Amino acid sequence: PCYAAILEHSPTKPALIFVSSRRQTRLTALDLIAYCASDDNPKQFLHMPEEEIEAIAATLQDRALRDTIVFGVALHHAGLHA
C-alpha cells in the first residue's frame, strides 16, 4: 500500500512513512526497494547522480541504510548510526 500511495500522491517529491518499530522501519524500506526493483525503473526515487549517492553510501555504517539509499529510499530510527 505504501508504494502505490507514493506513486499516486508523491511520485517526484519526498515522502515520509511512519511505522511503529525499528524492525518495521527496515522492513518497510526493503519492501519499497523490492517494489522498485520489480518495476521498469528500479531507481525511480533516486533524484541525483548514482556516483554521488554511491559515494555517500560508502560512508554509512548502517547496512540497511547503505543498501536502501542507493535506490533513493532512506530510513531513520532512534538507534540509527549513520
PDB file of N, CA and C in Angstrom:
ATOM      1  N   PRO A   1       0.805  -1.216   0.000  1.00  0.00           N
ATOM      2  CA  PRO A   1       0.000   0.000   0.000  1.00  0.00           C
ATOM      3  C   PRO A   1       0.844   1.274   0.000  1.00  0.00           C
ATOM      4  N   CYS A   2       1.967   1.275   0.692  1.00  0.00           N
ATOM      5  CA  CYS A   2       2.820   2.473   0.749  1.00  0.00           C
ATOM      6  C   CYS A   2       3.378   2.811  -0.623  1.00  0.00           C
ATOM      7  N   TYR A   3       3.860   1.823  -1.324  1.00  0.00           N
ATOM      8  CA  TYR A   3       4.458   2.041  -2.634  1.00  0.00           C
ATOM      9  C   TYR A   3       3.438   2.650  -3.598  1.00  0.00           C
ATOM     10  N   ALA A   4       2.257   2.087  -3.644  1.00  0.00           N
ATOM     11  CA  ALA A   4       1.201   2.599  -4.522  1.00  0.00           C
ATOM     12  C   ALA A   4       0.815   4.023  -4.141  1.00  0.00           C
ATOM     13  N   ALA A   5       0.757   4.306  -2.853  1.00  0.00           N
ATOM     14  CA  ALA A   5       0.401   5.649  -2.391  1.00  0.00           C
ATOM     15  C   ALA A   5       1.471   6.661  -2.784  1.00  0.00           C
ATOM     16  N   ILE A   6       2.733   6.286  -2.688  1.00  0.00           N
ATOM     17  CA  ILE A   6       3.809   7.188  -3.087  1.00  0.00           C
ATOM     18  C   ILE A   6       3.712   7.479  -4.580  1.00  0.00           C
ATOM     19  N   LEU A   7       3.524   6.443  -5.378  1.00  0.00           N
ATOM     20  CA  LEU A   7       3.424   6.645  -6.818  1.00  0.00           C
ATOM     21  C   LEU A   7       2.237   7.517  -7.189  1.00  0.00           C
ATOM     22  N   GLU A   8       1.154   7.384  -6.473  1.00  0.00           N
ATOM     23  CA  GLU A   8      -0.045   8.153  -6.783  1.00  0.00           C
ATOM     24  C   GLU A   8       0.044   9.600  -6.287  1.00  0.00           C
ATOM     25  N   HIS A   9       0.505   9.794  -5.063  1.00  0.00           N
ATOM     26  CA  HIS A   9       0.425  11.109  -4.436  1.00  0.00           C
ATOM     27  C   HIS A   9       1.732  11.910  -4.444  1.00  0.00           C
ATOM     28  N   SER A  10       2.857  11.243  -4.572  1.00  0.00           N
ATOM     29  CA  SER A  10       4.133  11.967  -4.488  1.00  0.00           C
ATOM     30  C   SER A  10       5.229  11.283  -5.311  1.00  0.00           C
ATOM     31  N   PRO A  11       4.992  11.083  -6.608  1.00  0.00           N
ATOM     32  CA  PRO A  11       5.967  10.320  -7.397  1.00  0.00           C
ATOM     33  C   PRO A  11       7.307  11.024  -7.596  1.00  0.00           C
ATOM     34  N   THR A  12       7.344  12.342  -7.501  1.00  0.00           N
ATOM     35  CA  THR A  12       8.594  13.069  -7.745  1.00  0.00           C
ATOM     36  C   THR A  12       9.081  13.874  -6.546  1.00  0.00           C
ATOM     37  N   LYS A  13       8.375  13.800  -5.448  1.00  0.00           N
ATOM     38  CA  LYS A  13       8.750  14.562  -4.258  1.00  0.00           C
ATOM     39  C   LYS A  13       8.959  13.617  -3.080  1.00  0.00           C
ATOM     40  N   PRO A  14       9.707  14.049  -2.065  1.00  0.00           N
ATOM     41  CA  PRO A  14       9.941  13.188  -0.902  1.00  0.00           C
ATOM     42  C   PRO A  14       8.650  12.812  -0.185  1.00  0.00           C
ATOM     43  N   ALA A  15       8.662  11.632   0.401  1.00  0.00           N
ATOM     44  CA  ALA A  15       7.523  11.142   1.179  1.00  0.00           C
ATOM     45  C   ALA A  15       8.053  10.519   2.464  1.00  0.00           C
ATOM     46  N   LEU A  16       7.287  10.637   3.525  1.00  0.00           N
ATOM     47  CA  LEU A  16       7.631  10.016   4.808  1.00  0.00           C
ATOM     48  C   LEU A  16       6.622   8.928   5.112  1.00  0.00           C
ATOM     49  N   ILE A  17       7.110   7.822   5.625  1.00  0.00           N
ATOM     50  CA  ILE A  17       6.249   6.727   6.056  1.00  0.00           C
ATOM     51  C   ILE A  17       6.585   6.464   7.518  1.00  0.00           C
ATOM     52  N   PHE A  18       5.601   6.543   8.370  1.00  0.00           N
ATOM     53  CA  PHE A  18       5.812   6.298   9.796  1.00  0.00           C
ATOM     54  C   PHE A  18       5.382   4.882  10.134  1.00  0.00           C
ATOM     55  N   VAL A  19       6.248   4.178  10.858  1.00  0.00           N
ATOM     56  CA  VAL A  19       5.950   2.825  11.321  1.00  0.00           C
ATOM     57  C   VAL A  19       6.236   2.758  12.818  1.00  0.00           C
ATOM     58  N   SER A  20       5.860   1.662  13.439  1.00  0.00           N
ATOM     59  CA  SER A  20       5.877   1.616  14.902  1.00  0.00           C
ATOM     60  C   SER A  20       7.136   1.026  15.541  1.00  0.00           C
ATOM     61  N   SER A  21       8.073   0.507  14.748  1.00  0.00           N
ATOM     62  CA  SER A  21       9.250  -0.101  15.375  1.00  0.00           C
ATOM     63  C   SER A  21      10.477   0.032  14.478  1.00  0.00           C
ATOM     64  N   ARG A  22      11.641  -0.180  15.076  1.00  0.00           N
ATOM     65  CA  ARG A  22      12.886  -0.163  14.300  1.00  0.00           C
ATOM     66  C   ARG A  22      12.880  -1.270  13.256  1.00  0.00           C
ATOM     67  N   ARG A  23      12.429  -2.417  13.654  1.00  0.00           N
ATOM     68  CA  ARG A  23      12.367  -3.557  12.734  1.00  0.00           C
ATOM     69  C   ARG A  23      11.465  -3.238  11.547  1.00  0.00           C
ATOM     70  N   GLN A  24      10.315  -2.665  11.825  1.00  0.00           N
ATOM     71  CA  GLN A  24       9.377  -2.330  10.756  1.00  0.00           C
ATOM     72  C   GLN A  24       9.952  -1.243   9.845  1.00  0.00           C
ATOM     73  N   THR A  25      10.795  -0.371  10.393  1.00  0.00           N
ATOM     74  CA  THR A  25      11.460   0.653   9.578  1.00  0.00           C
ATOM     75  C   THR A  25      12.312  -0.007   8.508  1.00  0.00           C
ATOM     76  N   ARG A  26      13.141  -0.956   8.923  1.00  0.00           N
ATOM     77  CA  ARG A  26      13.997  -1.659   7.962  1.00  0.00           C
ATOM     78  C   ARG A  26      13.174  -2.451   6.962  1.00  0.00           C
ATOM     79  N   LEU A  27      12.178  -3.173   7.452  1.00  0.00           N
ATOM     80  CA  LEU A  27      11.356  -3.999   6.566  1.00  0.00           C
ATOM     81  C   LEU A  27      10.601  -3.167   5.539  1.00  0.00           C
ATOM     82  N   THR A  28      10.088  -2.029   5.954  1.00  0.00           N
ATOM     83  CA  THR A  28       9.351  -1.167   5.032  1.00  0.00           C
ATOM     84  C   THR A  28      10.279  -0.622   3.953  1.00  0.00           C
ATOM     85  N   ALA A  29      11.460  -0.178   4.336  1.00  0.00           N
ATOM     86  CA  ALA A  29      12.422   0.335   3.352  1.00  0.00           C
ATOM     87  C   ALA A  29      12.808  -0.761   2.363  1.00  0.00           C
ATOM     88  N   LEU A  30      13.046  -1.967   2.855  1.00  0.00           N
ATOM     89  CA  LEU A  30      13.405  -3.075   1.968  1.00  0.00           C
ATOM     90  C   LEU A  30      12.247  -3.466   1.058  1.00  0.00           C
ATOM     91  N   ASP A  31      11.029  -3.414   1.571  1.00  0.00           N
ATOM     92  CA  ASP A  31       9.853  -3.690   0.732  1.00  0.00           C
ATOM     93  C   ASP A  31       9.720  -2.663  -0.382  1.00  0.00           C
ATOM     94  N   LEU A  32       9.955  -1.391  -0.062  1.00  0.00           N
ATOM     95  CA  LEU A  32       9.883  -0.353  -1.094  1.00  0.00           C
ATOM     96  C   LEU A  32      10.898  -0.632  -2.204  1.00  0.00           C
ATOM     97  N   ILE A  33      12.088  -1.050  -1.830  1.00  0.00           N
ATOM     98  CA  ILE A  33      13.104  -1.368  -2.831  1.00  0.00           C
ATOM     99  C   ILE A  33      12.686  -2.570  -3.666  1.00  0.00           C
ATOM    100  N   ALA A  34      12.090  -3.556  -3.031  1.00  0.00           N
ATOM    101  CA  ALA A  34      11.628  -4.731  -3.773  1.00  0.00           C
ATOM    102  C   ALA A  34      10.581  -4.332  -4.814  1.00  0.00           C
ATOM    103  N   TYR A  35       9.672  -3.448  -4.433  1.00  0.00           N
ATOM    104  CA  TYR A  35       8.675  -2.969  -5.390  1.00  0.00           C
ATOM    105  C   TYR A  35       9.336  -2.170  -6.506  1.00  0.00           C
ATOM    106  N   CYS A  36      10.292  -1.332  -6.163  1.00  0.00           N
ATOM    107  CA  CYS A  36      11.009  -0.564  -7.184  1.00  0.00           C
ATOM    108  C   CYS A  36      11.719  -1.494  -8.163  1.00  0.00           C
ATOM    109  N   ALA A  37      12.353  -2.526  -7.630  1.00  0.00           N
ATOM    110  CA  ALA A  37      13.093  -3.467  -8.466  1.00  0.00           C
ATOM    111  C   ALA A  37      12.183  -4.227  -9.420  1.00  0.00           C
ATOM    112  N   SER A  38      10.940  -4.433  -9.024  1.00  0.00           N
ATOM    113  CA  SER A  38      10.015  -5.170  -9.894  1.00  0.00           C
ATOM    114  C   SER A  38       9.418  -4.273 -10.982  1.00  0.00           C
ATOM    115  N   ASP A  39       9.587  -2.971 -10.871  1.00  0.00           N
ATOM    116  CA  ASP A  39       9.121  -2.046 -11.894  1.00  0.00           C
ATOM    117  C   ASP A  39      10.190  -1.866 -12.973  1.00  0.00           C
ATOM    118  N   ASP A  40       9.831  -1.144 -14.003  1.00  0.00           N
ATOM    119  CA  ASP A  40      10.762  -0.891 -15.098  1.00  0.00           C
ATOM    120  C   ASP A  40      11.907   0.036 -14.703  1.00  0.00           C
ATOM    121  N   ASN A  41      11.704   0.831 -13.654  1.00  0.00           N
ATOM    122  CA  ASN A  41      12.705   1.811 -13.240  1.00  0.00           C
ATOM    123  C   ASN A  41      13.037   1.610 -11.758  1.00  0.00           C
ATOM    124  N   PRO A  42      13.962   0.718 -11.438  1.00  0.00           N
ATOM    125  CA  PRO A  42      14.224   0.401 -10.031  1.00  0.00           C
ATOM    126  C   PRO A  42      14.762   1.560  -9.198  1.00  0.00           C
ATOM    127  N   LYS A  43      15.342   2.563  -9.848  1.00  0.00           N
ATOM    128  CA  LYS A  43      15.881   3.706  -9.098  1.00  0.00           C
ATOM    129  C   LYS A  43      15.032   4.952  -9.334  1.00  0.00           C
ATOM    130  N   GLN A  44      13.723   4.743  -9.461  1.00  0.00           N
ATOM    131  CA  GLN A  44      12.823   5.859  -9.761  1.00  0.00           C
ATOM    132  C   GLN A  44      12.751   6.907  -8.656  1.00  0.00           C
ATOM    133  N   PHE A  45      13.094   6.561  -7.439  1.00  0.00           N
ATOM    134  CA  PHE A  45      13.051   7.524  -6.346  1.00  0.00           C
ATOM    135  C   PHE A  45      14.388   8.232  -6.150  1.00  0.00           C
ATOM    136  N   LEU A  46      15.387   7.863  -6.909  1.00  0.00           N
ATOM    137  CA  LEU A  46      16.707   8.479  -6.801  1.00  0.00           C
ATOM    138  C   LEU A  46      16.762   9.690  -7.724  1.00  0.00           C
ATOM    139  N   HIS A  47      16.968  10.861  -7.135  1.00  0.00           N
ATOM    140  CA  HIS A  47      16.972  12.095  -7.903  1.00  0.00           C
ATOM    141  C   HIS A  47      18.318  12.814  -7.806  1.00  0.00           C
ATOM    142  N   MET A  48      19.379  12.044  -7.982  1.00  0.00           N
ATOM    143  CA  MET A  48      20.733  12.594  -8.007  1.00  0.00           C
ATOM    144  C   MET A  48      21.613  11.604  -8.750  1.00  0.00           C
ATOM    145  N   PRO A  49      22.783  12.022  -9.202  1.00  0.00           N
ATOM    146  CA  PRO A  49      23.661  11.091  -9.918  1.00  0.00           C
ATOM    147  C   PRO A  49      24.028   9.878  -9.061  1.00  0.00           C
ATOM    148  N   GLU A  50      24.035   8.718  -9.692  1.00  0.00           N
ATOM    149  CA  GLU A  50      24.336   7.476  -8.963  1.00  0.00           C
ATOM    150  C   GLU A  50      25.724   7.512  -8.332  1.00  0.00           C
ATOM    151  N   GLU A  51      26.682   8.129  -9.004  1.00  0.00           N
ATOM    152  CA  GLU A  51      28.044   8.192  -8.460  1.00  0.00           C
ATOM    153  C   GLU A  51      28.068   8.936  -7.124  1.00  0.00           C
ATOM    154  N   GLU A  52      27.284   9.998  -7.030  1.00  0.00           N
ATOM    155  CA  GLU A  52      27.243  10.775  -5.785  1.00  0.00           C
ATOM    156  C   GLU A  52      26.634   9.981  -4.638  1.00  0.00           C
ATOM    157  N   ILE A  53      25.519   9.318  -4.901  1.00  0.00           N
ATOM    158  CA  ILE A  53      24.850   8.578  -3.826  1.00  0.00           C
ATOM    159  C   ILE A  53      25.673   7.352  -3.428  1.00  0.00           C
ATOM    160  N   GLU A  54      26.381   6.744  -4.375  1.00  0.00           N
ATOM    161  CA  GLU A  54      27.228   5.603  -4.034  1.00  0.00           C
ATOM    162  C   GLU A  54      28.390   6.039  -3.149  1.00  0.00           C
ATOM    163  N   ALA A  55      28.927   7.239  -3.394  1.00  0.00           N
ATOM    164  CA  ALA A  55      30.000   7.765  -2.541  1.00  0.00           C
ATOM    165  C   ALA A  55      29.479   8.022  -1.134  1.00  0.00           C
ATOM    166  N   ILE A  56      28.274   8.547  -1.037  1.00  0.00           N
ATOM    167  CA  ILE A  56      27.664   8.783   0.274  1.00  0.00           C
ATOM    168  C   ILE A  56      27.393   7.456   0.978  1.00  0.00           C
ATOM    169  N   ALA A  57      26.837   6.504   0.241  1.00  0.00           N
ATOM    170  CA  ALA A  57      26.506   5.191   0.817  1.00  0.00           C
ATOM    171  C   ALA A  57      27.747   4.499   1.370  1.00  0.00           C
ATOM    172  N   ALA A  58      28.872   4.679   0.705  1.00  0.00           N
ATOM    173  CA  ALA A  58      30.118   4.041   1.157  1.00  0.00           C
ATOM    174  C   ALA A  58      30.562   4.534   2.526  1.00  0.00           C
ATOM    175  N   THR A  59      30.081   5.699   2.950  1.00  0.00           N
ATOM    176  CA  THR A  59      30.481   6.254   4.245  1.00  0.00           C
ATOM    177  C   THR A  59      29.547   5.842   5.381  1.00  0.00           C
ATOM    178  N   LEU A  60      28.429   5.183   5.059  1.00  0.00           N
ATOM    179  CA  LEU A  60      27.416   4.853   6.063  1.00  0.00           C
ATOM    180  C   LEU A  60      27.743   3.552   6.781  1.00  0.00           C
ATOM    181  N   GLN A  61      27.511   3.523   8.079  1.00  0.00           N
ATOM    182  CA  GLN A  61      27.757   2.321   8.877  1.00  0.00           C
ATOM    183  C   GLN A  61      26.566   1.379   8.889  1.00  0.00           C
ATOM    184  N   ASP A  62      25.361   1.932   8.877  1.00  0.00           N
ATOM    185  CA  ASP A  62      24.164   1.108   8.961  1.00  0.00           C
ATOM    186  C   ASP A  62      23.934   0.394   7.632  1.00  0.00           C
ATOM    187  N   ARG A  63      23.932  -0.927   7.655  1.00  0.00           N
ATOM    188  CA  ARG A  63      23.829  -1.703   6.411  1.00  0.00           C
ATOM    189  C   ARG A  63      22.502  -1.477   5.695  1.00  0.00           C
ATOM    190  N   ALA A  64      21.402  -1.448   6.430  1.00  0.00           N
ATOM    191  CA  ALA A  64      20.096  -1.255   5.800  1.00  0.00           C
ATOM    192  C   ALA A  64      20.024   0.097   5.100  1.00  0.00           C
ATOM    193  N   LEU A  65      20.520   1.130   5.750  1.00  0.00           N
ATOM    194  CA  LEU A  65      20.534   2.457   5.136  1.00  0.00           C
ATOM    195  C   LEU A  65      21.454   2.472   3.922  1.00  0.00           C
ATOM    196  N   ARG A  66      22.612   1.860   4.037  1.00  0.00           N
ATOM    197  CA  ARG A  66      23.569   1.809   2.930  1.00  0.00           C
ATOM    198  C   ARG A  66      22.971   1.083   1.715  1.00  0.00           C
ATOM    199  N   ASP A  67      22.224   0.005   1.977  1.00  0.00           N
ATOM    200  CA  ASP A  67      21.633  -0.776   0.891  1.00  0.00           C
ATOM    201  C   ASP A  67      20.429  -0.090   0.252  1.00  0.00           C
ATOM    202  N   THR A  68      19.699   0.698   1.021  1.00  0.00           N
ATOM    203  CA  THR A  68      18.475   1.301   0.501  1.00  0.00           C
ATOM    204  C   THR A  68      18.688   2.669  -0.127  1.00  0.00           C
ATOM    205  N   ILE A  69      19.647   3.421   0.379  1.00  0.00           N
ATOM    206  CA  ILE A  69      19.808   4.800  -0.075  1.00  0.00           C
ATOM    207  C   ILE A  69      20.194   4.884  -1.549  1.00  0.00           C
ATOM    208  N   VAL A  70      20.866   3.872  -2.070  1.00  0.00           N
ATOM    209  CA  VAL A  70      21.248   3.890  -3.485  1.00  0.00           C
ATOM    210  C   VAL A  70      20.039   3.785  -4.410  1.00  0.00           C
ATOM    211  N   PHE A  71      18.886   3.429  -3.850  1.00  0.00           N
ATOM    212  CA  PHE A  71      17.639   3.391  -4.617  1.00  0.00           C
ATOM    213  C   PHE A  71      16.788   4.634  -4.371  1.00  0.00           C
ATOM    214  N   GLY A  72      17.298   5.563  -3.566  1.00  0.00           N
ATOM    215  CA  GLY A  72      16.528   6.761  -3.253  1.00  0.00           C
ATOM    216  C   GLY A  72      15.576   6.560  -2.094  1.00  0.00           C
ATOM    217  N   VAL A  73      15.775   5.486  -1.339  1.00  0.00           N
ATOM    218  CA  VAL A  73      14.936   5.173  -0.179  1.00  0.00           C
ATOM    219  C   VAL A  73      15.839   5.207   1.051  1.00  0.00           C
ATOM    220  N   ALA A  74      15.485   6.031   2.018  1.00  0.00           N
ATOM    221  CA  ALA A  74      16.278   6.122   3.246  1.00  0.00           C
ATOM    222  C   ALA A  74      15.414   5.738   4.435  1.00  0.00           C
ATOM    223  N   LEU A  75      16.044   5.518   5.553  1.00  0.00           N
ATOM    224  CA  LEU A  75      15.303   5.175   6.759  1.00  0.00           C
ATOM    225  C   LEU A  75      15.936   5.864   7.951  1.00  0.00           C
ATOM    226  N   HIS A  76      15.125   6.033   8.979  1.00  0.00           N
ATOM    227  CA  HIS A  76      15.622   6.641  10.211  1.00  0.00           C
ATOM    228  C   HIS A  76      14.872   6.049  11.388  1.00  0.00           C
ATOM    229  N   HIS A  77      15.602   5.722  12.421  1.00  0.00           N
ATOM    230  CA  HIS A  77      15.003   5.301  13.683  1.00  0.00           C
ATOM    231  C   HIS A  77      15.937   5.704  14.805  1.00  0.00           C
ATOM    232  N   ALA A  78      15.467   5.618  16.025  1.00  0.00           N
ATOM    233  CA  ALA A  78      16.204   6.131  17.186  1.00  0.00           C
ATOM    234  C   ALA A  78      17.576   5.478  17.357  1.00  0.00           C
ATOM    235  N   GLY A  79      17.740   4.242  16.938  1.00  0.00           N
ATOM    236  CA  GLY A  79      19.001   3.553  17.137  1.00  0.00           C
ATOM    237  C   GLY A  79      19.947   3.626  15.950  1.00  0.00           C
ATOM    238  N   LEU A  80      19.625   4.444  14.979  1.00  0.00           N
ATOM    239  CA  LEU A  80      20.427   4.516  13.764  1.00  0.00           C
ATOM    240  C   LEU A  80      21.744   5.235  13.996  1.00  0.00           C
ATOM    241  N   HIS A  81      22.809   4.636  13.503  1.00  0.00           N
ATOM    242  CA  HIS A  81      24.133   5.256  13.497  1.00  0.00           C
ATOM    243  C   HIS A  81      24.574   5.317  12.054  1.00  0.00           C
ATOM    244  N   ALA A  82      24.559   6.503  11.490  1.00  0.00           N
ATOM    245  CA  ALA A  82      24.920   6.646  10.075  1.00  0.00           C
ATOM    246  C   ALA A  82      26.398   6.366   9.899  1.00  0.00           C
TER     247      ALA A  82
END
